[in-house]
Amino acid sequence: MIAGLGAVFALIGAFSDTVLVIGLILMVVGVIIAAPSAPYPGPQMDEWWILMGSGALVCLLGFAIGLLLTAIGGVLVAGGAVATLISLGLGFPVEDQD
């Protein structure tokens, strides 16, 4: 859920670089914390963690590219944040797998 909060901050980050950086940090931390749950399929999606990690990576790349090419970087950040939110909404395991 931390990654989802980070994704929301990244989407809001278009208005403030500080909010964007906080969102990116939260996304990366959320991906790392969710790593132990990666092998468990979610209710609608089996490979949810790969999409979440890819979304966070695209956001990081978008932030770096955005330093030179603002529009392209913003689109990448938004796309990565949406991918992260989709992976959490459709794929995060909701039941205990033990």
Protein backbone atom coordinates (compact mmCIF):
# COMPACT_ATOMS: atom_id res chain seq x y z
CA MET A 1 0.00 0.00 0.00
CA ILE A 2 3.00 2.27 0.48
CA ALA A 3 3.74 1.99 -3.24
CA GLY A 4 0.17 3.06 -4.00
CA LEU A 5 0.53 6.12 -1.82
CA GLY A 6 3.80 6.89 -3.60
CA ALA A 7 2.09 6.51 -6.98
CA VAL A 8 -0.60 8.98 -5.96
CA PHE A 9 2.08 11.41 -4.78
CA ALA A 10 3.91 10.94 -8.10
CA LEU A 11 0.74 11.82 -9.99
CA ILE A 12 0.24 14.89 -7.81
CA GLY A 13 3.96 15.62 -8.17
CA ALA A 14 3.34 17.46 -11.43
CA PHE A 15 2.66 20.47 -9.23
CA SER A 16 5.72 20.16 -6.99
CA ASP A 17 9.08 18.45 -7.41
CA THR A 18 9.26 17.77 -3.67
CA VAL A 19 5.98 15.83 -3.74
CA LEU A 20 7.20 13.91 -6.79
CA VAL A 21 10.46 12.91 -5.09
CA ILE A 22 8.58 11.82 -1.95
CA GLY A 23 6.25 9.77 -4.16
CA LEU A 24 9.15 8.10 -5.95
CA ILE A 25 10.82 7.22 -2.66
CA LEU A 26 7.58 5.76 -1.30
CA MET A 27 7.08 3.74 -4.49
CA VAL A 28 10.55 2.22 -4.32
CA VAL A 29 10.17 1.43 -0.61
CA GLY A 30 6.75 -0.10 -1.28
CA VAL A 31 8.13 -2.32 -4.05
CA ILE A 32 10.93 -3.52 -1.77
CA ILE A 33 8.54 -4.21 1.12
CA ALA A 34 6.12 -6.08 -1.16
CA ALA A 35 8.87 -8.29 -2.63
CA PRO A 36 8.24 -11.23 -0.24
CA SER A 37 4.63 -11.39 -1.49
CA ALA A 38 5.67 -11.46 -5.15
CA PRO A 39 5.26 -15.23 -5.68
CA TYR A 40 1.63 -15.18 -4.53
CA PRO A 41 -0.98 -14.46 -7.20
CA GLY A 42 -3.54 -11.76 -6.64
CA PRO A 43 -7.29 -12.04 -7.14
CA GLN A 44 -7.28 -10.74 -10.73
CA MET A 45 -3.62 -10.78 -11.73
CA ASP A 46 -0.83 -13.33 -11.30
CA GLU A 47 2.27 -11.28 -12.12
CA TRP A 48 1.27 -8.18 -10.14
CA TRP A 49 4.67 -7.55 -8.58
CA ILE A 50 6.44 -7.39 -11.96
CA LEU A 51 4.00 -4.71 -13.10
CA MET A 52 4.42 -2.80 -9.84
CA GLY A 53 8.22 -2.93 -10.06
CA SER A 54 8.15 -1.96 -13.72
CA GLY A 55 5.86 0.96 -12.96
CA ALA A 56 8.22 2.21 -10.25
CA LEU A 57 11.19 1.83 -12.62
CA VAL A 58 9.40 3.76 -15.37
CA CYS A 59 8.63 6.51 -12.85
CA LEU A 60 12.29 6.75 -11.88
CA LEU A 61 13.35 6.86 -15.52
CA GLY A 62 10.65 9.45 -16.24
CA PHE A 63 11.93 11.64 -13.42
CA ALA A 64 15.48 11.46 -14.79
CA ILE A 65 14.35 12.12 -18.37
CA GLY A 66 12.09 14.91 -17.10
CA LEU A 67 15.13 16.89 -16.01
CA LEU A 68 15.94 17.41 -19.71
CA LEU A 69 12.66 16.73 -21.52
CA THR A 70 9.86 17.81 -19.23
CA ALA A 71 6.85 16.62 -21.24
CA ILE A 72 8.22 13.15 -22.00
CA GLY A 73 9.37 12.71 -18.42
CA GLY A 74 5.95 13.70 -17.11
CA VAL A 75 4.20 11.22 -19.37
CA LEU A 76 6.54 8.43 -18.23
CA VAL A 77 6.03 9.29 -14.56
CA ALA A 78 2.26 9.33 -15.00
CA GLY A 79 2.28 6.03 -16.91
CA GLY A 80 4.47 4.33 -14.34
CA ALA A 81 2.31 5.58 -11.48
CA VAL A 82 -0.86 4.32 -13.19
CA ALA A 83 0.78 0.92 -13.81
CA THR A 84 1.71 0.72 -10.13
CA LEU A 85 -1.84 1.58 -9.06
CA ILE A 86 -3.29 -1.00 -11.46
CA SER A 87 -0.98 -3.70 -10.15
CA LEU A 88 -2.00 -2.93 -6.57
CA GLY A 89 -5.68 -2.70 -7.36
CA LEU A 90 -5.93 -5.89 -9.39
CA GLY A 91 -3.10 -8.03 -8.18
CA PHE A 92 -2.05 -7.51 -4.58
CA PRO A 93 -2.74 -10.72 -2.62
CA VAL A 94 -5.59 -10.17 -0.16
CA GLU A 95 -5.51 -13.55 1.57
CA ASP A 96 -2.89 -15.13 3.78
CA GLN A 97 -1.04 -17.72 1.69
CA ASP A 98 0.23 -19.84 4.60
